Amino acid sequence: MRLSRVVRLGERVRLDIIAEGFNLLNRFNEGSASPLHRRCYGFKQRAGNGRYYSRPTAAFDPRQFQFGLNLF
């Protein structure tokens, strides 16, 4: 999500105020999973179709915010 606001400082100068948020719900996003057959069964959880889940080995970034100013 990105929010921005433009503030005029005279006729020729403007200030952009920017706020951005990533993964706002802080949900776990699996980056990669183990390709090994034995590790898939070691996690001991099945999906609705009867297959086993694989073991996650990496995750994407958690909730992050960044703020910025841009002067033109």
PDB file of N, CA and C in Angstrom:
ATOM      1  N   MET A   1       0.846  -1.155   0.000  1.00  0.00           N
ATOM      2  CA  MET A   1       0.000   0.000   0.000  1.00  0.00           C
ATOM      3  C   MET A   1       0.897   1.225   0.000  1.00  0.00           C
ATOM      4  N   ARG A   2       0.491   2.216  -0.786  1.00  0.00           N
ATOM      5  CA  ARG A   2       1.268   3.457  -0.869  1.00  0.00           C
ATOM      6  C   ARG A   2       0.335   4.641  -0.701  1.00  0.00           C
ATOM      7  N   LEU A   3       0.732   5.570   0.163  1.00  0.00           N
ATOM      8  CA  LEU A   3       0.017   6.820   0.358  1.00  0.00           C
ATOM      9  C   LEU A   3       0.968   7.955   0.029  1.00  0.00           C
ATOM     10  N   SER A   4       0.481   8.947  -0.715  1.00  0.00           N
ATOM     11  CA  SER A   4       1.330  10.084  -1.039  1.00  0.00           C
ATOM     12  C   SER A   4       0.524  11.372  -0.983  1.00  0.00           C
ATOM     13  N   ARG A   5       1.226  12.446  -0.732  1.00  0.00           N
ATOM     14  CA  ARG A   5       0.595  13.764  -0.619  1.00  0.00           C
ATOM     15  C   ARG A   5       1.553  14.782  -1.221  1.00  0.00           C
ATOM     16  N   VAL A   6       1.018  15.700  -2.015  1.00  0.00           N
ATOM     17  CA  VAL A   6       1.807  16.764  -2.619  1.00  0.00           C
ATOM     18  C   VAL A   6       1.514  18.060  -1.865  1.00  0.00           C
ATOM     19  N   VAL A   7       2.576  18.738  -1.427  1.00  0.00           N
ATOM     20  CA  VAL A   7       2.453  20.012  -0.728  1.00  0.00           C
ATOM     21  C   VAL A   7       3.175  21.060  -1.566  1.00  0.00           C
ATOM     22  N   ARG A   8       2.469  22.099  -1.977  1.00  0.00           N
ATOM     23  CA  ARG A   8       3.061  23.184  -2.767  1.00  0.00           C
ATOM     24  C   ARG A   8       3.740  24.187  -1.833  1.00  0.00           C
ATOM     25  N   LEU A   9       4.984  24.500  -2.156  1.00  0.00           N
ATOM     26  CA  LEU A   9       5.750  25.487  -1.395  1.00  0.00           C
ATOM     27  C   LEU A   9       6.108  26.629  -2.344  1.00  0.00           C
ATOM     28  N   GLY A  10       5.152  27.435  -2.683  1.00  0.00           N
ATOM     29  CA  GLY A  10       5.355  28.494  -3.668  1.00  0.00           C
ATOM     30  C   GLY A  10       4.910  28.014  -5.044  1.00  0.00           C
ATOM     31  N   GLU A  11       5.269  28.798  -6.080  1.00  0.00           N
ATOM     32  CA  GLU A  11       4.842  28.477  -7.441  1.00  0.00           C
ATOM     33  C   GLU A  11       5.691  27.388  -8.087  1.00  0.00           C
ATOM     34  N   ARG A  12       6.972  27.328  -7.760  1.00  0.00           N
ATOM     35  CA  ARG A  12       7.881  26.428  -8.465  1.00  0.00           C
ATOM     36  C   ARG A  12       8.346  25.234  -7.642  1.00  0.00           C
ATOM     37  N   VAL A  13       8.109  25.225  -6.375  1.00  0.00           N
ATOM     38  CA  VAL A  13       8.636  24.175  -5.500  1.00  0.00           C
ATOM     39  C   VAL A  13       7.485  23.349  -4.937  1.00  0.00           C
ATOM     40  N   ARG A  14       7.674  22.042  -4.960  1.00  0.00           N
ATOM     41  CA  ARG A  14       6.678  21.156  -4.351  1.00  0.00           C
ATOM     42  C   ARG A  14       7.386  20.070  -3.543  1.00  0.00           C
ATOM     43  N   LEU A  15       6.686  19.587  -2.543  1.00  0.00           N
ATOM     44  CA  LEU A  15       7.205  18.545  -1.663  1.00  0.00           C
ATOM     45  C   LEU A  15       6.259  17.353  -1.718  1.00  0.00           C
ATOM     46  N   ASP A  16       6.792  16.189  -2.079  1.00  0.00           N
ATOM     47  CA  ASP A  16       6.019  14.942  -2.078  1.00  0.00           C
ATOM     48  C   ASP A  16       6.309  14.192  -0.787  1.00  0.00           C
ATOM     49  N   ILE A  17       5.273  13.841  -0.060  1.00  0.00           N
ATOM     50  CA  ILE A  17       5.401  13.042   1.164  1.00  0.00           C
ATOM     51  C   ILE A  17       4.865  11.653   0.849  1.00  0.00           C
ATOM     52  N   ILE A  18       5.668  10.632   1.085  1.00  0.00           N
ATOM     53  CA  ILE A  18       5.326   9.268   0.669  1.00  0.00           C
ATOM     54  C   ILE A  18       5.455   8.317   1.856  1.00  0.00           C
ATOM     55  N   ALA A  19       4.459   7.430   2.008  1.00  0.00           N
ATOM     56  CA  ALA A  19       4.504   6.363   3.012  1.00  0.00           C
ATOM     57  C   ALA A  19       4.091   5.061   2.317  1.00  0.00           C
ATOM     58  N   GLU A  20       4.895   4.017   2.465  1.00  0.00           N
ATOM     59  CA  GLU A  20       4.618   2.733   1.837  1.00  0.00           C
ATOM     60  C   GLU A  20       4.667   1.624   2.886  1.00  0.00           C
ATOM     61  N   GLY A  21       3.811   0.629   2.716  1.00  0.00           N
ATOM     62  CA  GLY A  21       3.802  -0.526   3.601  1.00  0.00           C
ATOM     63  C   GLY A  21       3.783  -1.811   2.786  1.00  0.00           C
ATOM     64  N   PHE A  22       4.560  -2.786   3.215  1.00  0.00           N
ATOM     65  CA  PHE A  22       4.653  -4.075   2.531  1.00  0.00           C
ATOM     66  C   PHE A  22       4.258  -5.179   3.501  1.00  0.00           C
ATOM     67  N   ASN A  23       3.504  -6.156   3.030  1.00  0.00           N
ATOM     68  CA  ASN A  23       3.034  -7.281   3.838  1.00  0.00           C
ATOM     69  C   ASN A  23       2.320  -6.763   5.093  1.00  0.00           C
ATOM     70  N   LEU A  24       1.315  -5.921   4.888  1.00  0.00           N
ATOM     71  CA  LEU A  24       0.637  -5.237   5.988  1.00  0.00           C
ATOM     72  C   LEU A  24      -0.016  -6.188   6.978  1.00  0.00           C
ATOM     73  N   LEU A  25      -0.470  -7.345   6.527  1.00  0.00           N
ATOM     74  CA  LEU A  25      -1.115  -8.303   7.425  1.00  0.00           C
ATOM     75  C   LEU A  25      -0.106  -9.215   8.115  1.00  0.00           C
ATOM     76  N   ASN A  26       1.183  -9.021   7.812  1.00  0.00           N
ATOM     77  CA  ASN A  26       2.273  -9.795   8.410  1.00  0.00           C
ATOM     78  C   ASN A  26       2.049 -11.300   8.255  1.00  0.00           C
ATOM     79  N   ARG A  27       1.655 -11.695   7.075  1.00  0.00           N
ATOM     80  CA  ARG A  27       1.378 -13.094   6.767  1.00  0.00           C
ATOM     81  C   ARG A  27       2.667 -13.799   6.345  1.00  0.00           C
ATOM     82  N   PHE A  28       2.802 -15.066   6.726  1.00  0.00           N
ATOM     83  CA  PHE A  28       3.973 -15.848   6.345  1.00  0.00           C
ATOM     84  C   PHE A  28       3.892 -16.163   4.856  1.00  0.00           C
ATOM     85  N   ASN A  29       4.916 -15.774   4.106  1.00  0.00           N
ATOM     86  CA  ASN A  29       5.001 -16.042   2.677  1.00  0.00           C
ATOM     87  C   ASN A  29       6.212 -16.915   2.423  1.00  0.00           C
ATOM     88  N   GLU A  30       5.961 -18.147   2.039  1.00  0.00           N
ATOM     89  CA  GLU A  30       7.043 -19.111   1.823  1.00  0.00           C
ATOM     90  C   GLU A  30       7.841 -18.728   0.593  1.00  0.00           C
ATOM     91  N   GLY A  31       9.156 -18.585   0.765  1.00  0.00           N
ATOM     92  CA  GLY A  31      10.035 -18.228  -0.337  1.00  0.00           C
ATOM     93  C   GLY A  31      10.471 -19.441  -1.138  1.00  0.00           C
ATOM     94  N   SER A  32      10.777 -20.532  -0.465  1.00  0.00           N
ATOM     95  CA  SER A  32      11.139 -21.775  -1.141  1.00  0.00           C
ATOM     96  C   SER A  32      10.855 -22.942  -0.206  1.00  0.00           C
ATOM     97  N   ALA A  33      10.798 -24.114  -0.787  1.00  0.00           N
ATOM     98  CA  ALA A  33      10.501 -25.318  -0.013  1.00  0.00           C
ATOM     99  C   ALA A  33      11.544 -26.382  -0.320  1.00  0.00           C
ATOM    100  N   SER A  34      11.672 -27.311   0.586  1.00  0.00           N
ATOM    101  CA  SER A  34      12.640 -28.387   0.425  1.00  0.00           C
ATOM    102  C   SER A  34      12.184 -29.331  -0.684  1.00  0.00           C
ATOM    103  N   PRO A  35      13.050 -29.616  -1.650  1.00  0.00           N
ATOM    104  CA  PRO A  35      12.680 -30.521  -2.729  1.00  0.00           C
ATOM    105  C   PRO A  35      12.872 -32.000  -2.371  1.00  0.00           C
ATOM    106  N   LEU A  36      13.417 -32.276  -1.192  1.00  0.00           N
ATOM    107  CA  LEU A  36      13.709 -33.656  -0.824  1.00  0.00           C
ATOM    108  C   LEU A  36      12.443 -34.398  -0.419  1.00  0.00           C
ATOM    109  N   HIS A  37      12.265 -35.591  -0.927  1.00  0.00           N
ATOM    110  CA  HIS A  37      11.068 -36.396  -0.696  1.00  0.00           C
ATOM    111  C   HIS A  37      10.881 -36.727   0.789  1.00  0.00           C
ATOM    112  N   ARG A  38      11.933 -37.094   1.462  1.00  0.00           N
ATOM    113  CA  ARG A  38      11.823 -37.484   2.878  1.00  0.00           C
ATOM    114  C   ARG A  38      11.437 -36.311   3.773  1.00  0.00           C
ATOM    115  N   ARG A  39      11.908 -35.137   3.467  1.00  0.00           N
ATOM    116  CA  ARG A  39      11.567 -33.975   4.283  1.00  0.00           C
ATOM    117  C   ARG A  39      10.109 -33.570   4.120  1.00  0.00           C
ATOM    118  N   CYS A  40       9.526 -33.846   2.991  1.00  0.00           N
ATOM    119  CA  CYS A  40       8.104 -33.537   2.785  1.00  0.00           C
ATOM    120  C   CYS A  40       7.242 -34.365   3.729  1.00  0.00           C
ATOM    121  N   TYR A  41       7.570 -35.616   3.891  1.00  0.00           N
ATOM    122  CA  TYR A  41       6.794 -36.475   4.786  1.00  0.00           C
ATOM    123  C   TYR A  41       7.125 -36.213   6.253  1.00  0.00           C
ATOM    124  N   GLY A  42       8.276 -35.625   6.525  1.00  0.00           N
ATOM    125  CA  GLY A  42       8.670 -35.350   7.904  1.00  0.00           C
ATOM    126  C   GLY A  42       7.889 -34.218   8.538  1.00  0.00           C
ATOM    127  N   PHE A  43       7.251 -33.382   7.735  1.00  0.00           N
ATOM    128  CA  PHE A  43       6.489 -32.256   8.263  1.00  0.00           C
ATOM    129  C   PHE A  43       5.152 -32.715   8.839  1.00  0.00           C
ATOM    130  N   LYS A  44       4.662 -33.880   8.432  1.00  0.00           N
ATOM    131  CA  LYS A  44       3.487 -34.558   9.002  1.00  0.00           C
ATOM    132  C   LYS A  44       2.177 -33.771   8.894  1.00  0.00           C
ATOM    133  N   GLN A  45       2.025 -32.989   7.843  1.00  0.00           N
ATOM    134  CA  GLN A  45       0.756 -32.293   7.627  1.00  0.00           C
ATOM    135  C   GLN A  45       0.301 -32.558   6.206  1.00  0.00           C
ATOM    136  N   ARG A  46      -0.977 -32.834   6.061  1.00  0.00           N
ATOM    137  CA  ARG A  46      -1.529 -33.119   4.742  1.00  0.00           C
ATOM    138  C   ARG A  46      -2.449 -32.003   4.284  1.00  0.00           C
ATOM    139  N   ALA A  47      -2.477 -31.802   2.982  1.00  0.00           N
ATOM    140  CA  ALA A  47      -3.411 -30.852   2.381  1.00  0.00           C
ATOM    141  C   ALA A  47      -4.764 -31.543   2.223  1.00  0.00           C
ATOM    142  N   GLY A  48      -5.754 -30.814   1.763  1.00  0.00           N
ATOM    143  CA  GLY A  48      -7.086 -31.375   1.576  1.00  0.00           C
ATOM    144  C   GLY A  48      -7.130 -32.473   0.525  1.00  0.00           C
ATOM    145  N   ASN A  49      -6.183 -32.464  -0.406  1.00  0.00           N
ATOM    146  CA  ASN A  49      -6.159 -33.484  -1.449  1.00  0.00           C
ATOM    147  C   ASN A  49      -5.376 -34.735  -1.033  1.00  0.00           C
ATOM    148  N   GLY A  50      -4.910 -34.811   0.223  1.00  0.00           N
ATOM    149  CA  GLY A  50      -4.203 -35.986   0.715  1.00  0.00           C
ATOM    150  C   GLY A  50      -2.701 -35.929   0.564  1.00  0.00           C
ATOM    151  N   ARG A  51      -2.192 -34.920  -0.103  1.00  0.00           N
ATOM    152  CA  ARG A  51      -0.748 -34.793  -0.265  1.00  0.00           C
ATOM    153  C   ARG A  51      -0.133 -34.112   0.944  1.00  0.00           C
ATOM    154  N   TYR A  52       1.135 -34.388   1.164  1.00  0.00           N
ATOM    155  CA  TYR A  52       1.858 -33.770   2.272  1.00  0.00           C
ATOM    156  C   TYR A  52       2.375 -32.392   1.874  1.00  0.00           C
ATOM    157  N   TYR A  53       2.465 -31.489   2.859  1.00  0.00           N
ATOM    158  CA  TYR A  53       3.109 -30.198   2.644  1.00  0.00           C
ATOM    159  C   TYR A  53       4.610 -30.392   2.627  1.00  0.00           C
ATOM    160  N   SER A  54       5.300 -29.523   1.932  1.00  0.00           N
ATOM    161  CA  SER A  54       6.760 -29.562   2.001  1.00  0.00           C
ATOM    162  C   SER A  54       7.222 -28.655   3.133  1.00  0.00           C
ATOM    163  N   ARG A  55       8.429 -28.869   3.576  1.00  0.00           N
ATOM    164  CA  ARG A  55       8.987 -28.087   4.681  1.00  0.00           C
ATOM    165  C   ARG A  55       9.539 -26.779   4.122  1.00  0.00           C
ATOM    166  N   PRO A  56       9.083 -25.630   4.630  1.00  0.00           N
ATOM    167  CA  PRO A  56       9.614 -24.353   4.136  1.00  0.00           C
ATOM    168  C   PRO A  56      11.072 -24.167   4.559  1.00  0.00           C
ATOM    169  N   THR A  57      11.888 -23.662   3.645  1.00  0.00           N
ATOM    170  CA  THR A  57      13.300 -23.438   3.947  1.00  0.00           C
ATOM    171  C   THR A  57      13.672 -21.960   3.889  1.00  0.00           C
ATOM    172  N   ALA A  58      12.785 -21.110   3.372  1.00  0.00           N
ATOM    173  CA  ALA A  58      13.040 -19.669   3.316  1.00  0.00           C
ATOM    174  C   ALA A  58      11.706 -18.933   3.320  1.00  0.00           C
ATOM    175  N   ALA A  59      11.733 -17.699   3.775  1.00  0.00           N
ATOM    176  CA  ALA A  59      10.511 -16.889   3.815  1.00  0.00           C
ATOM    177  C   ALA A  59      10.805 -15.494   3.297  1.00  0.00           C
ATOM    178  N   PHE A  60       9.776 -14.859   2.738  1.00  0.00           N
ATOM    179  CA  PHE A  60       9.919 -13.476   2.313  1.00  0.00           C
ATOM    180  C   PHE A  60       9.865 -12.556   3.530  1.00  0.00           C
ATOM    181  N   ASP A  61      10.143 -11.299   3.324  1.00  0.00           N
ATOM    182  CA  ASP A  61      10.262 -10.333   4.418  1.00  0.00           C
ATOM    183  C   ASP A  61       8.959 -10.164   5.206  1.00  0.00           C
ATOM    184  N   PRO A  62       9.069  -9.886   6.511  1.00  0.00           N
ATOM    185  CA  PRO A  62       7.882  -9.606   7.333  1.00  0.00           C
ATOM    186  C   PRO A  62       7.374  -8.191   7.045  1.00  0.00           C
ATOM    187  N   ARG A  63       6.444  -7.734   7.834  1.00  0.00           N
ATOM    188  CA  ARG A  63       5.859  -6.402   7.659  1.00  0.00           C
ATOM    189  C   ARG A  63       6.940  -5.329   7.658  1.00  0.00           C
ATOM    190  N   GLN A  64       6.840  -4.418   6.690  1.00  0.00           N
ATOM    191  CA  GLN A  64       7.815  -3.340   6.581  1.00  0.00           C
ATOM    192  C   GLN A  64       7.107  -2.046   6.216  1.00  0.00           C
ATOM    193  N   PHE A  65       7.657  -0.939   6.691  1.00  0.00           N
ATOM    194  CA  PHE A  65       7.180   0.389   6.332  1.00  0.00           C
ATOM    195  C   PHE A  65       8.366   1.216   5.876  1.00  0.00           C
ATOM    196  N   GLN A  66       8.116   2.111   4.926  1.00  0.00           N
ATOM    197  CA  GLN A  66       9.153   3.056   4.541  1.00  0.00           C
ATOM    198  C   GLN A  66       8.505   4.404   4.250  1.00  0.00           C
ATOM    199  N   PHE A  67       9.238   5.450   4.568  1.00  0.00           N
ATOM    200  CA  PHE A  67       8.748   6.809   4.429  1.00  0.00           C
ATOM    201  C   PHE A  67       9.751   7.597   3.607  1.00  0.00           C
ATOM    202  N   GLY A  68       9.242   8.573   2.842  1.00  0.00           N
ATOM    203  CA  GLY A  68      10.150   9.362   2.025  1.00  0.00           C
ATOM    204  C   GLY A  68       9.616  10.759   1.756  1.00  0.00           C
ATOM    205  N   LEU A  69      10.565  11.636   1.447  1.00  0.00           N
ATOM    206  CA  LEU A  69      10.275  13.005   1.051  1.00  0.00           C
ATOM    207  C   LEU A  69      10.969  13.262  -0.270  1.00  0.00           C
ATOM    208  N   ASN A  70      10.299  13.977  -1.161  1.00  0.00           N
ATOM    209  CA  ASN A  70      10.884  14.297  -2.446  1.00  0.00           C
ATOM    210  C   ASN A  70      10.625  15.777  -2.706  1.00  0.00           C
ATOM    211  N   LEU A  71      11.673  16.553  -2.858  1.00  0.00           N
ATOM    212  CA  LEU A  71      11.557  17.991  -3.052  1.00  0.00           C
ATOM    213  C   LEU A  71      11.879  18.317  -4.505  1.00  0.00           C
ATOM    214  N   PHE A  72      10.928  18.940  -5.201  1.00  0.00           N
ATOM    215  CA  PHE A  72      11.117  19.339  -6.602  1.00  0.00           C
ATOM    216  C   PHE A  72      11.204  20.827  -6.713  1.00  0.00           C
TER     217      PHE A  72
END
